[in-house]
Amino acid sequence: MQKINFKDPAQYGSLFQAAPVRNSVPFQWGELYFERREEAAFETLEHSIDGHYLMVKLNPWSIADRRIDGKWQSEVQRRGSVAYVPDGCRHSVRYQKPLGALCFVTLSRGLVDAVADELNQPRFAGQPRFAKDTDPTMLNAVEAMDRELREGNPNGILFAQNYSKLMAAHLVLGYGPARRARPGLQNLPHRKMKWLDDYIDANLAAKITLEELAQQVDLSPYYFTRIFKATAGMAPYQYVLHKRIEFARACLKLDQQSIQDVALACGFSDASQFSRQFTKICQQTPSAYRQTCRTDGPPACTSGD
């Protein structure tokens, strides 16, 4: 029986008739793999998957027959329906009509086990789930990842690390044995937020990872993500993006650097990616913003995502 690594197209290409609409391979998302797929009717041979596998339906009313670990069930899939196949479990699926739009996600066993340990849970032993019930949390997560890839992954590896931890935690707490009680959330002290602000400001031109931010305040990456959002009102990757745009505005006011130089100084891979994110948040292009600063003084930016 073939074991599929979804990060290697040569391994799973035989399962499908068409390439995915987009996937995370070009952006090297590490222990998280994501793809969006839209395909006609198809049937896979029995295989196993390297990592914990999730299928999340994007559009309603597809019908599939799925076999997990030797057990068959017929599924009437709705928007948000989720199938879950534990790492290494035997799996096959048959769609007799076009499947519409859906997303595949795999999370490495090492990632899920590490998050279970952070949550003070026993080693994760997931229970297979056929795609009958909906899961709004998983649906929201895959739609956010799909948007991120469609826009060229402007938030980089920090985005992937944030969502890999959140999805792994949701898997551990909702797809396995009953969980133990956890202490309530607290906020990061002001001095630690100030320390993080200084660290981010000093490293805006470089790649900033979730692990690096968590290490600055001596927290595990998963717990850091939760407590940071409770404190700042947004996820770490969103916060870093807004810090980059804030610095970009300051650079553009000086009217000396090229747009490309400003983009690189703020940690963006190129001017095109920078321009898209700047326009989304400030409601005008970097060039238009610079021109406005020359004439009327700098306008305020919005608090977009």
C-alpha atoms as a PDB file:
ATOM      1  CA  MET A   1       0.000   0.000   0.000  1.00  0.00           C
ATOM      2  CA  GLN A   2       1.418   3.366  -1.051  1.00  0.00           C
ATOM      3  CA  LYS A   3       2.141   6.002   1.593  1.00  0.00           C
ATOM      4  CA  ILE A   4       1.587   9.493   0.207  1.00  0.00           C
ATOM      5  CA  ASN A   5       3.561  12.605   1.081  1.00  0.00           C
ATOM      6  CA  PHE A   6       1.407  15.458  -0.238  1.00  0.00           C
ATOM      7  CA  LYS A   7       4.429  17.753  -0.389  1.00  0.00           C
ATOM      8  CA  ASP A   8       5.839  15.564  -3.168  1.00  0.00           C
ATOM      9  CA  PRO A   9       3.684  15.864  -6.328  1.00  0.00           C
ATOM     10  CA  ALA A  10       5.402  12.830  -7.801  1.00  0.00           C
ATOM     11  CA  GLN A  11       3.959  10.692  -5.017  1.00  0.00           C
ATOM     12  CA  TYR A  12       0.321  11.759  -5.076  1.00  0.00           C
ATOM     13  CA  GLY A  13      -0.086  12.721  -8.742  1.00  0.00           C
ATOM     14  CA  SER A  14      -1.445   9.265  -9.526  1.00  0.00           C
ATOM     15  CA  LEU A  15      -4.410   9.883  -7.183  1.00  0.00           C
ATOM     16  CA  PHE A  16      -5.854  12.804  -9.133  1.00  0.00           C
ATOM     17  CA  GLN A  17      -6.668  13.687 -12.714  1.00  0.00           C
ATOM     18  CA  ALA A  18      -5.739  17.373 -12.399  1.00  0.00           C
ATOM     19  CA  ALA A  19      -3.261  19.537 -10.525  1.00  0.00           C
ATOM     20  CA  PRO A  20      -4.491  21.517  -7.500  1.00  0.00           C
ATOM     21  CA  VAL A  21      -5.679  25.084  -7.975  1.00  0.00           C
ATOM     22  CA  ARG A  22      -2.912  26.141  -5.568  1.00  0.00           C
ATOM     23  CA  ASN A  23      -0.872  24.627  -2.779  1.00  0.00           C
ATOM     24  CA  SER A  24       1.677  25.591  -0.156  1.00  0.00           C
ATOM     25  CA  VAL A  25       4.705  23.775  -1.642  1.00  0.00           C
ATOM     26  CA  PRO A  26       6.261  26.879  -3.313  1.00  0.00           C
ATOM     27  CA  PHE A  27       6.142  28.736   0.004  1.00  0.00           C
ATOM     28  CA  GLN A  28       7.720  25.992   2.152  1.00  0.00           C
ATOM     29  CA  TRP A  29       5.160  25.888   4.949  1.00  0.00           C
ATOM     30  CA  GLY A  30       7.105  23.274   6.875  1.00  0.00           C
ATOM     31  CA  GLU A  31       4.984  20.901   8.952  1.00  0.00           C
ATOM     32  CA  LEU A  32       1.731  22.162   7.419  1.00  0.00           C
ATOM     33  CA  TYR A  33       0.663  21.293   3.870  1.00  0.00           C
ATOM     34  CA  PHE A  34      -2.359  22.946   2.231  1.00  0.00           C
ATOM     35  CA  GLU A  35      -3.997  22.721  -1.163  1.00  0.00           C
ATOM     36  CA  ARG A  36      -7.240  23.799  -2.816  1.00  0.00           C
ATOM     37  CA  ARG A  37      -8.688  21.363  -5.331  1.00  0.00           C
ATOM     38  CA  GLU A  38     -11.545  21.503  -7.823  1.00  0.00           C
ATOM     39  CA  GLU A  39     -11.980  18.299  -9.785  1.00  0.00           C
ATOM     40  CA  ALA A  40     -14.387  16.058 -11.648  1.00  0.00           C
ATOM     41  CA  ALA A  41     -15.546  12.682 -10.376  1.00  0.00           C
ATOM     42  CA  PHE A  42     -12.663  10.405  -9.365  1.00  0.00           C
ATOM     43  CA  GLU A  43     -11.689   7.419  -7.249  1.00  0.00           C
ATOM     44  CA  THR A  44      -8.426   6.764  -5.404  1.00  0.00           C
ATOM     45  CA  LEU A  45      -6.707   3.489  -4.702  1.00  0.00           C
ATOM     46  CA  GLU A  46      -6.249   2.613  -1.050  1.00  0.00           C
ATOM     47  CA  HIS A  47      -3.298   4.508   0.369  1.00  0.00           C
ATOM     48  CA  SER A  48      -2.006   5.962   3.618  1.00  0.00           C
ATOM     49  CA  ILE A  49      -0.955   9.552   4.234  1.00  0.00           C
ATOM     50  CA  ASP A  50       2.235  10.855   5.815  1.00  0.00           C
ATOM     51  CA  GLY A  51       0.752  13.074   8.532  1.00  0.00           C
ATOM     52  CA  HIS A  52      -2.682  13.765   9.970  1.00  0.00           C
ATOM     53  CA  TYR A  53      -5.014  14.497   7.034  1.00  0.00           C
ATOM     54  CA  LEU A  54      -8.064  16.768   6.887  1.00  0.00           C
ATOM     55  CA  MET A  55     -10.456  17.342   3.998  1.00  0.00           C
ATOM     56  CA  VAL A  56     -12.631  20.449   4.362  1.00  0.00           C
ATOM     57  CA  LYS A  57     -15.497  21.042   1.892  1.00  0.00           C
ATOM     58  CA  LEU A  58     -15.909  24.576   0.540  1.00  0.00           C
ATOM     59  CA  ASN A  59     -19.122  24.243  -1.461  1.00  0.00           C
ATOM     60  CA  PRO A  60     -22.265  22.240  -0.575  1.00  0.00           C
ATOM     61  CA  TRP A  61     -23.833  19.001  -1.617  1.00  0.00           C
ATOM     62  CA  SER A  62     -21.274  16.553  -2.893  1.00  0.00           C
ATOM     63  CA  ILE A  63     -21.693  12.822  -2.419  1.00  0.00           C
ATOM     64  CA  ALA A  64     -18.716  10.562  -1.712  1.00  0.00           C
ATOM     65  CA  ASP A  65     -17.986   7.018  -0.550  1.00  0.00           C
ATOM     66  CA  ARG A  66     -15.000   6.936   1.805  1.00  0.00           C
ATOM     67  CA  ARG A  67     -13.124   4.083   3.429  1.00  0.00           C
ATOM     68  CA  ILE A  68     -10.983   4.724   6.511  1.00  0.00           C
ATOM     69  CA  ASP A  69      -9.079   1.839   8.079  1.00  0.00           C
ATOM     70  CA  GLY A  70     -11.304  -0.710   6.326  1.00  0.00           C
ATOM     71  CA  LYS A  71     -14.647   0.899   7.168  1.00  0.00           C
ATOM     72  CA  TRP A  72     -16.864   2.316   4.361  1.00  0.00           C
ATOM     73  CA  GLN A  73     -19.373   5.140   4.744  1.00  0.00           C
ATOM     74  CA  SER A  74     -21.357   7.187   2.258  1.00  0.00           C
ATOM     75  CA  GLU A  75     -21.060  10.947   2.828  1.00  0.00           C
ATOM     76  CA  VAL A  76     -23.403  13.779   1.909  1.00  0.00           C
ATOM     77  CA  GLN A  77     -20.968  16.662   2.168  1.00  0.00           C
ATOM     78  CA  ARG A  78     -22.048  20.188   3.029  1.00  0.00           C
ATOM     79  CA  ARG A  79     -20.042  23.401   3.189  1.00  0.00           C
ATOM     80  CA  GLY A  80     -17.717  22.980   6.169  1.00  0.00           C
ATOM     81  CA  SER A  81     -17.941  19.172   6.256  1.00  0.00           C
ATOM     82  CA  VAL A  82     -14.657  17.697   7.506  1.00  0.00           C
ATOM     83  CA  ALA A  83     -13.136  14.252   7.022  1.00  0.00           C
ATOM     84  CA  TYR A  84     -10.183  13.343   9.243  1.00  0.00           C
ATOM     85  CA  VAL A  85      -7.744  10.479   8.639  1.00  0.00           C
ATOM     86  CA  PRO A  86      -5.097   9.831  11.332  1.00  0.00           C
ATOM     87  CA  ASP A  87      -1.437   9.595  10.383  1.00  0.00           C
ATOM     88  CA  GLY A  88      -0.685   6.335   8.576  1.00  0.00           C
ATOM     89  CA  CYS A  89      -4.304   5.118   8.473  1.00  0.00           C
ATOM     90  CA  ARG A  90      -5.550   3.253   5.364  1.00  0.00           C
ATOM     91  CA  HIS A  91      -7.776   5.475   3.234  1.00  0.00           C
ATOM     92  CA  SER A  92      -9.595   5.646  -0.102  1.00  0.00           C
ATOM     93  CA  VAL A  93     -12.427   7.784  -1.484  1.00  0.00           C
ATOM     94  CA  ARG A  94     -14.797   7.729  -4.468  1.00  0.00           C
ATOM     95  CA  TYR A  95     -16.724  10.695  -5.912  1.00  0.00           C
ATOM     96  CA  GLN A  96     -19.270   9.619  -8.517  1.00  0.00           C
ATOM     97  CA  LYS A  97     -20.033  13.227  -9.486  1.00  0.00           C
ATOM     98  CA  PRO A  98     -17.813  16.347  -9.615  1.00  0.00           C
ATOM     99  CA  LEU A  99     -16.551  17.111  -6.124  1.00  0.00           C
ATOM    100  CA  GLY A 100     -16.722  20.909  -6.388  1.00  0.00           C
ATOM    101  CA  ALA A 101     -14.249  22.879  -4.268  1.00  0.00           C
ATOM    102  CA  LEU A 102     -12.447  21.520  -1.216  1.00  0.00           C
ATOM    103  CA  CYS A 103      -9.200  21.880   0.684  1.00  0.00           C
ATOM    104  CA  PHE A 104      -6.713  19.264   1.847  1.00  0.00           C
ATOM    105  CA  VAL A 105      -4.487  19.834   4.886  1.00  0.00           C
ATOM    106  CA  THR A 106      -1.823  17.596   6.401  1.00  0.00           C
ATOM    107  CA  LEU A 107      -0.144  18.219   9.748  1.00  0.00           C
ATOM    108  CA  SER A 108       2.997  16.291  10.655  1.00  0.00           C
ATOM    109  CA  ARG A 109       2.851  13.780  13.493  1.00  0.00           C
ATOM    110  CA  GLY A 110       5.720  15.569  15.227  1.00  0.00           C
ATOM    111  CA  LEU A 111       3.845  18.887  15.194  1.00  0.00           C
ATOM    112  CA  VAL A 112       0.615  17.395  16.564  1.00  0.00           C
ATOM    113  CA  ASP A 113       2.458  15.463  19.295  1.00  0.00           C
ATOM    114  CA  ALA A 114       4.376  18.608  20.312  1.00  0.00           C
ATOM    115  CA  VAL A 115       1.181  20.659  20.561  1.00  0.00           C
ATOM    116  CA  ALA A 116      -0.490  17.894  22.591  1.00  0.00           C
ATOM    117  CA  ASP A 117       2.451  18.057  25.003  1.00  0.00           C
ATOM    118  CA  GLU A 118       2.173  21.859  25.240  1.00  0.00           C
ATOM    119  CA  LEU A 119      -1.504  21.439  26.147  1.00  0.00           C
ATOM    120  CA  ASN A 120      -0.660  18.857  28.821  1.00  0.00           C
ATOM    121  CA  GLN A 121      -2.565  16.197  26.911  1.00  0.00           C
ATOM    122  CA  PRO A 122      -1.667  12.524  26.468  1.00  0.00           C
ATOM    123  CA  ARG A 123       0.027  11.525  23.210  1.00  0.00           C
ATOM    124  CA  PHE A 124      -2.549  12.164  20.517  1.00  0.00           C
ATOM    125  CA  ALA A 125      -4.466   9.182  19.161  1.00  0.00           C
ATOM    126  CA  GLY A 126      -6.975  10.682  16.739  1.00  0.00           C
ATOM    127  CA  GLN A 127     -10.308   9.080  15.987  1.00  0.00           C
ATOM    128  CA  PRO A 128     -11.126   8.848  12.232  1.00  0.00           C
ATOM    129  CA  ARG A 129     -13.995  11.095  11.169  1.00  0.00           C
ATOM    130  CA  PHE A 130     -16.115  10.805   8.036  1.00  0.00           C
ATOM    131  CA  ALA A 131     -17.265  14.003   6.315  1.00  0.00           C
ATOM    132  CA  LYS A 132     -20.784  14.177   7.743  1.00  0.00           C
ATOM    133  CA  ASP A 133     -20.470  16.868  10.422  1.00  0.00           C
ATOM    134  CA  THR A 134     -19.352  20.453   9.834  1.00  0.00           C
ATOM    135  CA  ASP A 135     -16.529  22.172  11.714  1.00  0.00           C
ATOM    136  CA  PRO A 136     -16.655  26.004  11.457  1.00  0.00           C
ATOM    137  CA  THR A 137     -13.195  26.374  13.025  1.00  0.00           C
ATOM    138  CA  MET A 138     -11.546  24.225  10.367  1.00  0.00           C
ATOM    139  CA  LEU A 139     -13.569  25.928   7.612  1.00  0.00           C
ATOM    140  CA  ASN A 140     -12.466  29.398   8.749  1.00  0.00           C
ATOM    141  CA  ALA A 141      -8.846  28.222   8.935  1.00  0.00           C
ATOM    142  CA  VAL A 142      -8.690  26.738   5.423  1.00  0.00           C
ATOM    143  CA  GLU A 143     -10.422  29.771   3.904  1.00  0.00           C
ATOM    144  CA  ALA A 144      -7.811  32.021   5.556  1.00  0.00           C
ATOM    145  CA  MET A 145      -5.011  29.833   4.186  1.00  0.00           C
ATOM    146  CA  ASP A 146      -6.570  29.805   0.723  1.00  0.00           C
ATOM    147  CA  ARG A 147      -6.726  33.638   0.723  1.00  0.00           C
ATOM    148  CA  GLU A 148      -3.137  33.837   1.934  1.00  0.00           C
ATOM    149  CA  LEU A 149      -1.868  31.674  -0.928  1.00  0.00           C
ATOM    150  CA  ARG A 150      -4.034  33.486  -3.484  1.00  0.00           C
ATOM    151  CA  GLU A 151      -2.340  36.736  -2.420  1.00  0.00           C
ATOM    152  CA  GLY A 152       1.154  35.262  -2.670  1.00  0.00           C
ATOM    153  CA  ASN A 153       1.740  34.468   1.042  1.00  0.00           C
ATOM    154  CA  PRO A 154       2.527  38.078   2.073  1.00  0.00           C
ATOM    155  CA  ASN A 155       2.816  37.063   5.753  1.00  0.00           C
ATOM    156  CA  GLY A 156       5.428  34.404   5.045  1.00  0.00           C
ATOM    157  CA  ILE A 157       6.296  31.472   7.269  1.00  0.00           C
ATOM    158  CA  LEU A 158       4.893  33.231  10.360  1.00  0.00           C
ATOM    159  CA  PHE A 159       1.378  32.836   8.944  1.00  0.00           C
ATOM    160  CA  ALA A 160       1.883  29.109   8.331  1.00  0.00           C
ATOM    161  CA  GLN A 161       3.344  28.549  11.783  1.00  0.00           C
ATOM    162  CA  ASN A 162       0.450  30.370  13.407  1.00  0.00           C
ATOM    163  CA  TYR A 163      -2.184  28.316  11.599  1.00  0.00           C
ATOM    164  CA  SER A 164      -0.323  25.020  11.943  1.00  0.00           C
ATOM    165  CA  LYS A 165      -0.315  25.438  15.734  1.00  0.00           C
ATOM    166  CA  LEU A 166      -3.957  26.493  15.885  1.00  0.00           C
ATOM    167  CA  MET A 167      -5.150  23.643  13.663  1.00  0.00           C
ATOM    168  CA  ALA A 168      -3.037  21.088  15.521  1.00  0.00           C
ATOM    169  CA  ALA A 169      -4.478  22.287  18.842  1.00  0.00           C
ATOM    170  CA  HIS A 170      -8.029  22.088  17.486  1.00  0.00           C
ATOM    171  CA  LEU A 171      -7.295  18.568  16.289  1.00  0.00           C
ATOM    172  CA  VAL A 172      -5.886  17.495  19.656  1.00  0.00           C
ATOM    173  CA  LEU A 173      -8.744  19.003  21.652  1.00  0.00           C
ATOM    174  CA  GLY A 174     -11.611  17.999  19.378  1.00  0.00           C
ATOM    175  CA  TYR A 175     -10.654  14.882  17.415  1.00  0.00           C
ATOM    176  CA  GLY A 176      -9.247  12.604  20.093  1.00  0.00           C
ATOM    177  CA  PRO A 177      -9.880  11.446  23.688  1.00  0.00           C
ATOM    178  CA  ALA A 178     -11.605  13.758  26.164  1.00  0.00           C
ATOM    179  CA  ARG A 179      -9.345  16.652  27.111  1.00  0.00           C
ATOM    180  CA  ARG A 180      -8.293  17.767  30.557  1.00  0.00           C
ATOM    181  CA  ALA A 181      -9.246  21.166  31.943  1.00  0.00           C
ATOM    182  CA  ARG A 182      -6.871  24.034  31.092  1.00  0.00           C
ATOM    183  CA  PRO A 183      -6.232  27.241  33.016  1.00  0.00           C
ATOM    184  CA  GLY A 184      -7.875  30.392  31.698  1.00  0.00           C
ATOM    185  CA  LEU A 185      -6.080  32.870  29.479  1.00  0.00           C
ATOM    186  CA  GLN A 186      -4.172  35.837  30.807  1.00  0.00           C
ATOM    187  CA  ASN A 187      -2.697  38.837  29.039  1.00  0.00           C
ATOM    188  CA  LEU A 188       0.967  39.485  28.339  1.00  0.00           C
ATOM    189  CA  PRO A 189       2.356  42.089  30.758  1.00  0.00           C
ATOM    190  CA  HIS A 190       3.035  45.523  29.282  1.00  0.00           C
ATOM    191  CA  ARG A 191       6.800  45.125  29.662  1.00  0.00           C
ATOM    192  CA  LYS A 192       6.748  41.897  27.618  1.00  0.00           C
ATOM    193  CA  MET A 193       4.673  43.487  24.872  1.00  0.00           C
ATOM    194  CA  LYS A 194       7.178  46.359  24.831  1.00  0.00           C
ATOM    195  CA  TRP A 195      10.022  43.842  24.558  1.00  0.00           C
ATOM    196  CA  LEU A 196       8.263  42.150  21.633  1.00  0.00           C
ATOM    197  CA  ASP A 197       7.651  45.493  19.919  1.00  0.00           C
ATOM    198  CA  ASP A 198      11.349  46.332  20.188  1.00  0.00           C
ATOM    199  CA  TYR A 199      12.341  42.897  18.883  1.00  0.00           C
ATOM    200  CA  ILE A 200       9.974  43.134  15.902  1.00  0.00           C
ATOM    201  CA  ASP A 201      11.112  46.681  15.079  1.00  0.00           C
ATOM    202  CA  ALA A 202      14.757  45.571  15.130  1.00  0.00           C
ATOM    203  CA  ASN A 203      14.101  42.634  12.797  1.00  0.00           C
ATOM    204  CA  LEU A 204      11.535  43.943  10.318  1.00  0.00           C
ATOM    205  CA  ALA A 205      13.825  43.389   7.327  1.00  0.00           C
ATOM    206  CA  ALA A 206      14.337  39.727   8.278  1.00  0.00           C
ATOM    207  CA  LYS A 207      12.077  36.667   8.435  1.00  0.00           C
ATOM    208  CA  ILE A 208      10.349  36.600  11.847  1.00  0.00           C
ATOM    209  CA  THR A 209       9.108  33.200  13.008  1.00  0.00           C
ATOM    210  CA  LEU A 210       6.536  32.219  15.602  1.00  0.00           C
ATOM    211  CA  GLU A 211       9.153  30.261  17.542  1.00  0.00           C
ATOM    212  CA  GLU A 212      11.418  33.313  17.747  1.00  0.00           C
ATOM    213  CA  LEU A 213       8.623  35.518  19.077  1.00  0.00           C
ATOM    214  CA  ALA A 214       7.557  32.902  21.626  1.00  0.00           C
ATOM    215  CA  GLN A 215      11.153  32.504  22.821  1.00  0.00           C
ATOM    216  CA  GLN A 216      11.358  36.236  23.542  1.00  0.00           C
ATOM    217  CA  VAL A 217       8.749  35.836  26.304  1.00  0.00           C
ATOM    218  CA  ASP A 218       9.595  32.251  27.369  1.00  0.00           C
ATOM    219  CA  LEU A 219       6.336  30.666  26.181  1.00  0.00           C
ATOM    220  CA  SER A 220       5.537  27.677  23.984  1.00  0.00           C
ATOM    221  CA  PRO A 221       4.526  28.705  20.431  1.00  0.00           C
ATOM    222  CA  TYR A 222       0.943  27.495  20.846  1.00  0.00           C
ATOM    223  CA  TYR A 223       0.329  29.192  24.187  1.00  0.00           C
ATOM    224  CA  PHE A 224       2.100  32.325  22.953  1.00  0.00           C
ATOM    225  CA  THR A 225      -0.267  32.511  19.966  1.00  0.00           C
ATOM    226  CA  ARG A 226      -3.341  32.348  22.204  1.00  0.00           C
ATOM    227  CA  ILE A 227      -2.154  34.791  24.859  1.00  0.00           C
ATOM    228  CA  PHE A 228      -0.764  37.227  22.252  1.00  0.00           C
ATOM    229  CA  LYS A 229      -4.110  37.399  20.455  1.00  0.00           C
ATOM    230  CA  ALA A 230      -5.909  37.914  23.771  1.00  0.00           C
ATOM    231  CA  THR A 231      -3.537  40.817  24.501  1.00  0.00           C
ATOM    232  CA  ALA A 232      -3.133  42.484  21.103  1.00  0.00           C
ATOM    233  CA  GLY A 233      -6.501  41.642  19.562  1.00  0.00           C
ATOM    234  CA  MET A 234      -4.905  40.042  16.492  1.00  0.00           C
ATOM    235  CA  ALA A 235      -2.716  37.076  15.599  1.00  0.00           C
ATOM    236  CA  PRO A 236       1.089  37.498  15.653  1.00  0.00           C
ATOM    237  CA  TYR A 237       1.393  37.389  11.842  1.00  0.00           C
ATOM    238  CA  GLN A 238      -1.202  40.186  11.516  1.00  0.00           C
ATOM    239  CA  TYR A 239       0.570  42.261  14.150  1.00  0.00           C
ATOM    240  CA  VAL A 240       3.932  41.907  12.383  1.00  0.00           C
ATOM    241  CA  LEU A 241       2.337  42.846   9.042  1.00  0.00           C
ATOM    242  CA  HIS A 242       0.921  46.050  10.529  1.00  0.00           C
ATOM    243  CA  LYS A 243       4.320  46.876  12.059  1.00  0.00           C
ATOM    244  CA  ARG A 244       5.888  46.438   8.614  1.00  0.00           C
ATOM    245  CA  ILE A 245       3.337  48.774   7.024  1.00  0.00           C
ATOM    246  CA  GLU A 246       3.818  51.319   9.819  1.00  0.00           C
ATOM    247  CA  PHE A 247       7.556  51.342   9.138  1.00  0.00           C
ATOM    248  CA  ALA A 248       6.924  51.566   5.395  1.00  0.00           C
ATOM    249  CA  ARG A 249       4.849  54.711   5.878  1.00  0.00           C
ATOM    250  CA  ALA A 250       7.721  56.302   7.776  1.00  0.00           C
ATOM    251  CA  CYS A 251      10.139  55.371   4.984  1.00  0.00           C
ATOM    252  CA  LEU A 252       7.861  56.722   2.267  1.00  0.00           C
ATOM    253  CA  LYS A 253       7.579  60.084   4.022  1.00  0.00           C
ATOM    254  CA  LEU A 254      11.339  60.544   3.650  1.00  0.00           C
ATOM    255  CA  ASP A 255      10.956  60.424  -0.154  1.00  0.00           C
ATOM    256  CA  GLN A 256      14.456  59.024  -0.679  1.00  0.00           C
ATOM    257  CA  GLN A 257      14.266  55.265  -1.108  1.00  0.00           C
ATOM    258  CA  SER A 258      12.737  53.516  -4.093  1.00  0.00           C
ATOM    259  CA  ILE A 259       9.556  51.483  -3.574  1.00  0.00           C
ATOM    260  CA  GLN A 260      11.636  48.319  -4.043  1.00  0.00           C
ATOM    261  CA  ASP A 261      14.094  49.421  -1.345  1.00  0.00           C
ATOM    262  CA  VAL A 262      11.253  50.244   1.049  1.00  0.00           C
ATOM    263  CA  ALA A 263       9.689  46.831   0.406  1.00  0.00           C
ATOM    264  CA  LEU A 264      12.927  44.997   1.228  1.00  0.00           C
ATOM    265  CA  ALA A 265      13.599  47.163   4.287  1.00  0.00           C
ATOM    266  CA  CYS A 266      10.175  46.217   5.632  1.00  0.00           C
ATOM    267  CA  GLY A 267      10.649  42.475   5.119  1.00  0.00           C
ATOM    268  CA  PHE A 268       8.630  41.948   1.929  1.00  0.00           C
ATOM    269  CA  SER A 269      10.014  39.686  -0.804  1.00  0.00           C
ATOM    270  CA  ASP A 270       9.347  42.156  -3.608  1.00  0.00           C
ATOM    271  CA  ALA A 271       7.683  45.462  -4.473  1.00  0.00           C
ATOM    272  CA  SER A 272       4.571  43.800  -5.903  1.00  0.00           C
ATOM    273  CA  GLN A 273       3.781  41.913  -2.690  1.00  0.00           C
ATOM    274  CA  PHE A 274       4.489  45.037  -0.651  1.00  0.00           C
ATOM    275  CA  SER A 275       2.217  47.179  -2.828  1.00  0.00           C
ATOM    276  CA  ARG A 276      -0.704  44.746  -2.502  1.00  0.00           C
ATOM    277  CA  GLN A 277      -0.526  44.669   1.288  1.00  0.00           C
ATOM    278  CA  PHE A 278       0.094  48.411   1.641  1.00  0.00           C
ATOM    279  CA  THR A 279      -2.910  49.191  -0.577  1.00  0.00           C
ATOM    280  CA  LYS A 280      -5.113  46.750   1.326  1.00  0.00           C
ATOM    281  CA  ILE A 281      -4.343  48.398   4.674  1.00  0.00           C
ATOM    282  CA  CYS A 282      -3.875  52.062   3.661  1.00  0.00           C
ATOM    283  CA  GLN A 283      -6.431  52.171   0.833  1.00  0.00           C
ATOM    284  CA  GLN A 284      -3.899  53.625  -1.615  1.00  0.00           C
ATOM    285  CA  THR A 285      -0.718  52.511  -3.328  1.00  0.00           C
ATOM    286  CA  PRO A 286       2.720  53.317  -1.854  1.00  0.00           C
ATOM    287  CA  SER A 287       3.369  55.776  -4.700  1.00  0.00           C
ATOM    288  CA  ALA A 288       0.055  57.546  -4.113  1.00  0.00           C
ATOM    289  CA  TYR A 289       0.747  57.681  -0.381  1.00  0.00           C
ATOM    290  CA  ARG A 290       4.154  59.245  -1.013  1.00  0.00           C
ATOM    291  CA  GLN A 291       2.607  61.849  -3.315  1.00  0.00           C
ATOM    292  CA  THR A 292      -0.047  62.668  -0.704  1.00  0.00           C
ATOM    293  CA  CYS A 293       2.664  63.178   1.907  1.00  0.00           C
ATOM    294  CA  ARG A 294       4.343  65.719  -0.385  1.00  0.00           C
ATOM    295  CA  THR A 295       1.191  67.757  -0.818  1.00  0.00           C
ATOM    296  CA  ASP A 296      -1.316  67.342   1.992  1.00  0.00           C
ATOM    297  CA  GLY A 297       0.566  65.547   4.751  1.00  0.00           C
ATOM    298  CA  PRO A 298       0.333  61.816   5.531  1.00  0.00           C
ATOM    299  CA  PRO A 299      -3.154  60.266   5.741  1.00  0.00           C
ATOM    300  CA  ALA A 300      -4.098  57.707   8.358  1.00  0.00           C
ATOM    301  CA  CYS A 301      -4.215  54.015   7.454  1.00  0.00           C
ATOM    302  CA  THR A 302      -7.108  51.692   8.255  1.00  0.00           C
ATOM    303  CA  SER A 303      -6.844  48.694  10.557  1.00  0.00           C
ATOM    304  CA  GLY A 304      -7.425  46.139   7.754  1.00  0.00           C
ATOM    305  CA  ASP A 305      -6.481  42.475   8.170  1.00  0.00           C
END
